[in-house]
């Protein structure tokens, strides 16, 4: 036990001798100006309504995680007739993710 403590103290003394006494942690703060648009996703039947997602990519996944559709949103207020079979899907537009159900 004394040998382990001595070895530990010797190691700590060696580290403090080798390392400079004044170690300053450098932190950097990166300010990211993000203009968050309020993206709204709604569905009525098989028509998907997207608002506030101009120039974003729209991805639709089935419940197993397979991407079944991807569309570039061209405009602030768009409607898409999905033509997908009935079921649950996951819609992702930018950072917004929603679950939808096609009836």
N, C-alpha and C. Protein backbone atom coordinates (compact mmCIF):
# COMPACT_ATOMS: atom_id res chain seq x y z
N UNK A 1 0.83 -1.20 0.00
CA UNK A 1 0.00 0.00 0.00
C UNK A 1 0.87 1.26 0.00
N UNK A 2 1.92 1.27 0.84
CA UNK A 2 2.80 2.43 0.91
C UNK A 2 3.54 2.61 -0.41
N UNK A 3 3.88 1.50 -1.06
CA UNK A 3 4.58 1.58 -2.33
C UNK A 3 3.68 2.22 -3.40
N UNK A 4 2.37 1.87 -3.39
CA UNK A 4 1.44 2.44 -4.36
C UNK A 4 1.27 3.94 -4.14
N UNK A 5 1.16 4.34 -2.88
CA UNK A 5 1.01 5.76 -2.56
C UNK A 5 2.26 6.52 -2.96
N UNK A 6 3.42 5.97 -2.67
CA UNK A 6 4.67 6.61 -3.03
C UNK A 6 4.79 6.75 -4.55
N UNK A 7 4.41 5.71 -5.28
CA UNK A 7 4.47 5.76 -6.74
C UNK A 7 3.52 6.82 -7.29
N UNK A 8 2.34 6.91 -6.69
CA UNK A 8 1.36 7.91 -7.10
C UNK A 8 1.87 9.32 -6.83
N UNK A 9 2.43 9.55 -5.65
CA UNK A 9 2.98 10.87 -5.32
C UNK A 9 4.15 11.23 -6.22
N UNK A 10 4.97 10.26 -6.53
CA UNK A 10 6.10 10.50 -7.41
C UNK A 10 5.62 10.87 -8.82
N UNK A 11 4.59 10.18 -9.28
CA UNK A 11 4.04 10.49 -10.60
C UNK A 11 3.44 11.89 -10.64
N UNK A 12 2.72 12.26 -9.59
CA UNK A 12 2.12 13.60 -9.54
C UNK A 12 3.20 14.67 -9.47
N UNK A 13 4.25 14.43 -8.72
CA UNK A 13 5.34 15.40 -8.63
C UNK A 13 6.03 15.55 -9.98
N UNK A 14 6.20 14.47 -10.69
CA UNK A 14 6.83 14.52 -12.01
C UNK A 14 5.97 15.30 -12.98
N UNK A 15 4.66 15.07 -12.94
CA UNK A 15 3.75 15.78 -13.85
C UNK A 15 3.76 17.27 -13.55
N UNK A 16 3.71 17.64 -12.27
CA UNK A 16 3.69 19.06 -11.94
C UNK A 16 5.02 19.73 -12.25
N UNK A 17 6.11 18.98 -12.23
CA UNK A 17 7.42 19.54 -12.57
C UNK A 17 7.54 19.75 -14.08
N UNK A 18 7.01 18.82 -14.85
CA UNK A 18 7.12 18.90 -16.30
C UNK A 18 6.16 19.93 -16.86
N UNK A 19 4.97 20.01 -16.32
CA UNK A 19 3.96 20.94 -16.83
C UNK A 19 4.22 22.33 -16.28
N UNK A 20 3.97 23.36 -17.04
CA UNK A 20 4.13 24.72 -16.53
C UNK A 20 3.15 24.98 -15.39
N UNK A 21 3.56 25.83 -14.49
CA UNK A 21 2.74 26.09 -13.31
C UNK A 21 1.51 26.92 -13.63
N UNK A 22 1.61 27.75 -14.64
CA UNK A 22 0.46 28.56 -15.01
C UNK A 22 -0.15 28.00 -16.28
N UNK A 23 -1.18 27.25 -16.09
CA UNK A 23 -1.90 26.70 -17.23
C UNK A 23 -3.20 27.46 -17.35
N UNK A 24 -3.37 28.09 -18.47
CA UNK A 24 -4.58 28.87 -18.67
C UNK A 24 -5.45 28.15 -19.68
N UNK A 25 -6.68 27.96 -19.33
CA UNK A 25 -7.62 27.32 -20.25
C UNK A 25 -8.12 28.36 -21.23
N UNK A 26 -7.98 28.05 -22.48
CA UNK A 26 -8.46 28.96 -23.51
C UNK A 26 -9.86 28.53 -23.91
N UNK A 27 -10.75 29.45 -23.85
CA UNK A 27 -12.11 29.17 -24.29
C UNK A 27 -12.42 30.06 -25.47
N UNK A 28 -13.16 29.52 -26.36
CA UNK A 28 -13.58 30.33 -27.49
C UNK A 28 -15.10 30.28 -27.56
N UNK A 29 -15.66 31.39 -27.83
CA UNK A 29 -17.10 31.51 -27.92
C UNK A 29 -17.42 31.89 -29.36
N UNK A 30 -18.12 31.01 -30.01
CA UNK A 30 -18.51 31.26 -31.39
C UNK A 30 -19.97 31.63 -31.42
N UNK A 31 -20.24 32.80 -31.84
CA UNK A 31 -21.61 33.28 -31.94
C UNK A 31 -22.13 32.96 -33.33
N UNK A 32 -23.20 32.24 -33.36
CA UNK A 32 -23.80 31.87 -34.62
C UNK A 32 -25.13 32.59 -34.73
N UNK A 33 -25.23 33.41 -35.72
CA UNK A 33 -26.46 34.16 -35.94
C UNK A 33 -27.38 33.30 -36.78
N UNK A 34 -28.35 32.71 -36.13
CA UNK A 34 -29.30 31.86 -36.85
C UNK A 34 -30.66 32.52 -36.82
N UNK A 35 -31.20 32.69 -37.99
CA UNK A 35 -32.53 33.26 -38.10
C UNK A 35 -33.51 32.10 -38.13
N UNK A 36 -34.08 31.80 -36.97
CA UNK A 36 -34.98 30.67 -36.87
C UNK A 36 -36.35 31.04 -37.39
N UNK A 37 -36.72 30.38 -38.44
CA UNK A 37 -38.06 30.55 -38.99
C UNK A 37 -38.97 29.56 -38.29
N UNK A 38 -40.19 29.96 -38.12
CA UNK A 38 -41.17 29.07 -37.52
C UNK A 38 -41.69 28.16 -38.62
N UNK A 39 -41.15 26.96 -38.68
CA UNK A 39 -41.58 25.98 -39.68
C UNK A 39 -42.77 25.23 -39.11
N UNK A 40 -43.87 25.24 -39.85
CA UNK A 40 -45.05 24.48 -39.42
C UNK A 40 -45.33 23.39 -40.43
N UNK A 41 -45.66 22.22 -39.88
CA UNK A 41 -45.95 21.05 -40.70
C UNK A 41 -47.33 20.55 -40.28
N UNK A 42 -48.22 20.39 -41.26
CA UNK A 42 -49.54 19.83 -40.97
C UNK A 42 -49.93 18.92 -42.12
N UNK A 43 -50.86 18.02 -41.85
CA UNK A 43 -51.30 17.08 -42.87
C UNK A 43 -52.82 16.98 -42.82
N UNK A 44 -53.42 16.90 -44.00
CA UNK A 44 -54.85 16.70 -44.11
C UNK A 44 -55.06 15.65 -45.19
N UNK A 45 -55.49 14.47 -44.77
CA UNK A 45 -55.59 13.36 -45.71
C UNK A 45 -54.21 12.94 -46.14
N UNK A 46 -53.90 13.09 -47.44
CA UNK A 46 -52.55 12.80 -47.92
C UNK A 46 -51.84 14.05 -48.43
N UNK A 47 -52.38 15.24 -48.06
CA UNK A 47 -51.77 16.50 -48.46
C UNK A 47 -50.97 17.07 -47.29
N UNK A 48 -49.68 17.27 -47.53
CA UNK A 48 -48.77 17.81 -46.52
C UNK A 48 -48.64 19.31 -46.74
N UNK A 49 -48.82 20.09 -45.69
CA UNK A 49 -48.74 21.55 -45.76
C UNK A 49 -47.51 22.00 -44.97
N UNK A 50 -46.60 22.70 -45.65
CA UNK A 50 -45.35 23.19 -45.04
C UNK A 50 -45.34 24.70 -45.16
N UNK A 51 -45.09 25.38 -44.03
CA UNK A 51 -44.97 26.84 -44.03
C UNK A 51 -43.64 27.25 -43.41
N UNK A 52 -43.00 28.25 -44.00
CA UNK A 52 -41.78 28.82 -43.43
C UNK A 52 -40.53 27.99 -43.65
N UNK A 53 -40.48 27.23 -44.72
CA UNK A 53 -39.32 26.36 -44.96
C UNK A 53 -38.73 26.59 -46.35
N UNK A 54 -38.67 27.82 -46.78
CA UNK A 54 -38.15 28.13 -48.10
C UNK A 54 -36.69 27.69 -48.23
N UNK A 55 -36.36 27.01 -49.32
CA UNK A 55 -35.02 26.52 -49.64
C UNK A 55 -34.51 25.44 -48.68
N UNK A 56 -35.40 24.79 -47.95
CA UNK A 56 -35.01 23.68 -47.09
C UNK A 56 -35.31 22.36 -47.81
N UNK A 57 -34.68 21.30 -47.36
CA UNK A 57 -34.98 19.97 -47.87
C UNK A 57 -36.03 19.33 -46.98
N UNK A 58 -37.00 18.69 -47.60
CA UNK A 58 -38.07 17.97 -46.91
C UNK A 58 -37.79 16.48 -47.10
N UNK A 59 -37.66 15.78 -45.98
CA UNK A 59 -37.43 14.34 -46.02
C UNK A 59 -38.59 13.64 -45.33
N UNK A 60 -39.07 12.55 -45.93
CA UNK A 60 -40.14 11.76 -45.33
C UNK A 60 -39.62 10.34 -45.18
N UNK A 61 -39.73 9.82 -43.94
CA UNK A 61 -39.26 8.47 -43.61
C UNK A 61 -40.44 7.63 -43.15
N UNK A 62 -40.39 6.32 -43.44
CA UNK A 62 -41.40 5.44 -42.87
C UNK A 62 -40.97 5.07 -41.45
N UNK A 63 -41.78 4.28 -40.75
CA UNK A 63 -41.50 4.00 -39.33
C UNK A 63 -40.27 3.12 -39.14
N UNK A 64 -39.80 2.47 -40.18
CA UNK A 64 -38.57 1.68 -40.06
C UNK A 64 -37.33 2.51 -40.33
N UNK A 65 -37.51 3.79 -40.67
CA UNK A 65 -36.39 4.69 -40.88
C UNK A 65 -35.90 4.77 -42.31
N UNK A 66 -36.64 4.18 -43.23
CA UNK A 66 -36.26 4.23 -44.65
C UNK A 66 -36.84 5.51 -45.27
N UNK A 67 -35.98 6.27 -45.94
CA UNK A 67 -36.45 7.49 -46.58
C UNK A 67 -37.28 7.11 -47.79
N UNK A 68 -38.52 7.60 -47.83
CA UNK A 68 -39.43 7.27 -48.93
C UNK A 68 -39.62 8.45 -49.88
N UNK A 69 -39.21 9.66 -49.45
CA UNK A 69 -39.40 10.82 -50.30
C UNK A 69 -38.47 11.94 -49.84
N UNK A 70 -37.97 12.70 -50.79
CA UNK A 70 -37.22 13.92 -50.46
C UNK A 70 -37.56 14.98 -51.51
N UNK A 71 -37.81 16.18 -51.04
CA UNK A 71 -38.26 17.28 -51.90
C UNK A 71 -37.56 18.55 -51.45
N UNK A 72 -37.13 19.37 -52.40
CA UNK A 72 -36.61 20.70 -52.09
C UNK A 72 -37.81 21.65 -52.01
N UNK A 73 -38.00 22.30 -50.87
CA UNK A 73 -39.14 23.21 -50.66
C UNK A 73 -38.81 24.54 -51.34
N UNK A 74 -39.62 24.91 -52.31
CA UNK A 74 -39.41 26.14 -53.08
C UNK A 74 -40.54 27.12 -52.76
N UNK A 75 -40.45 27.80 -51.65
CA UNK A 75 -41.47 28.78 -51.29
C UNK A 75 -41.78 28.70 -49.80
N UNK A 76 -42.44 29.74 -49.30
CA UNK A 76 -42.77 29.82 -47.88
C UNK A 76 -44.00 29.02 -47.49
N UNK A 77 -44.91 28.83 -48.44
CA UNK A 77 -46.18 28.15 -48.14
C UNK A 77 -46.45 27.14 -49.25
N UNK A 78 -46.17 25.87 -48.97
CA UNK A 78 -46.30 24.84 -50.00
C UNK A 78 -47.19 23.70 -49.53
N UNK A 79 -47.88 23.10 -50.50
CA UNK A 79 -48.69 21.90 -50.25
C UNK A 79 -48.22 20.81 -51.20
N UNK A 80 -48.08 19.61 -50.66
CA UNK A 80 -47.63 18.48 -51.45
C UNK A 80 -48.60 17.33 -51.29
N UNK A 81 -49.08 16.79 -52.42
CA UNK A 81 -49.89 15.58 -52.38
C UNK A 81 -48.92 14.41 -52.36
N UNK A 82 -48.85 13.72 -51.23
CA UNK A 82 -47.81 12.73 -51.02
C UNK A 82 -48.04 11.44 -51.80
N UNK A 83 -49.26 10.98 -51.89
CA UNK A 83 -49.53 9.74 -52.60
C UNK A 83 -48.88 8.53 -51.95
N UNK A 84 -48.72 8.57 -50.64
CA UNK A 84 -48.12 7.45 -49.91
C UNK A 84 -49.22 6.55 -49.35
N UNK A 85 -48.92 5.28 -49.11
CA UNK A 85 -49.90 4.40 -48.48
C UNK A 85 -50.24 4.87 -47.07
N UNK A 86 -51.40 4.42 -46.58
CA UNK A 86 -51.81 4.75 -45.21
C UNK A 86 -50.73 4.33 -44.23
N UNK A 87 -50.57 5.12 -43.17
CA UNK A 87 -49.62 4.75 -42.13
C UNK A 87 -48.95 5.94 -41.49
N UNK A 88 -48.04 5.65 -40.58
CA UNK A 88 -47.27 6.67 -39.86
C UNK A 88 -45.99 6.98 -40.61
N UNK A 89 -45.62 8.24 -40.63
CA UNK A 89 -44.40 8.68 -41.29
C UNK A 89 -43.72 9.74 -40.43
N UNK A 90 -42.45 9.93 -40.67
CA UNK A 90 -41.67 10.96 -39.98
C UNK A 90 -41.26 11.98 -41.02
N UNK A 91 -41.58 13.25 -40.76
CA UNK A 91 -41.26 14.34 -41.68
C UNK A 91 -40.18 15.19 -41.04
N UNK A 92 -39.12 15.47 -41.82
CA UNK A 92 -38.03 16.31 -41.33
C UNK A 92 -37.81 17.43 -42.32
N UNK A 93 -37.88 18.67 -41.83
CA UNK A 93 -37.60 19.86 -42.64
C UNK A 93 -36.61 20.69 -41.85
N UNK A 94 -35.38 20.78 -42.33
CA UNK A 94 -34.35 21.50 -41.58
C UNK A 94 -34.11 20.81 -40.25
N UNK A 95 -34.33 21.53 -39.16
CA UNK A 95 -34.17 20.97 -37.82
C UNK A 95 -35.49 20.54 -37.20
N UNK A 96 -36.58 20.69 -37.92
CA UNK A 96 -37.90 20.37 -37.39
C UNK A 96 -38.29 18.95 -37.82
N UNK A 97 -38.69 18.14 -36.85
CA UNK A 97 -39.10 16.77 -37.10
C UNK A 97 -40.49 16.56 -36.52
N UNK A 98 -41.39 15.98 -37.31
CA UNK A 98 -42.77 15.72 -36.86
C UNK A 98 -43.19 14.33 -37.30
N UNK A 99 -44.08 13.73 -36.52
CA UNK A 99 -44.72 12.48 -36.92
C UNK A 99 -46.05 12.83 -37.56
N UNK A 100 -46.36 12.17 -38.67
CA UNK A 100 -47.64 12.40 -39.31
C UNK A 100 -48.30 11.04 -39.55
N UNK A 101 -49.59 11.09 -39.79
CA UNK A 101 -50.34 9.88 -40.10
C UNK A 101 -51.14 10.13 -41.37
N UNK A 102 -50.92 9.30 -42.38
CA UNK A 102 -51.67 9.37 -43.63
C UNK A 102 -52.87 8.46 -43.50
N UNK A 103 -54.08 9.01 -43.71
CA UNK A 103 -55.31 8.23 -43.57
C UNK A 103 -55.83 7.82 -44.92
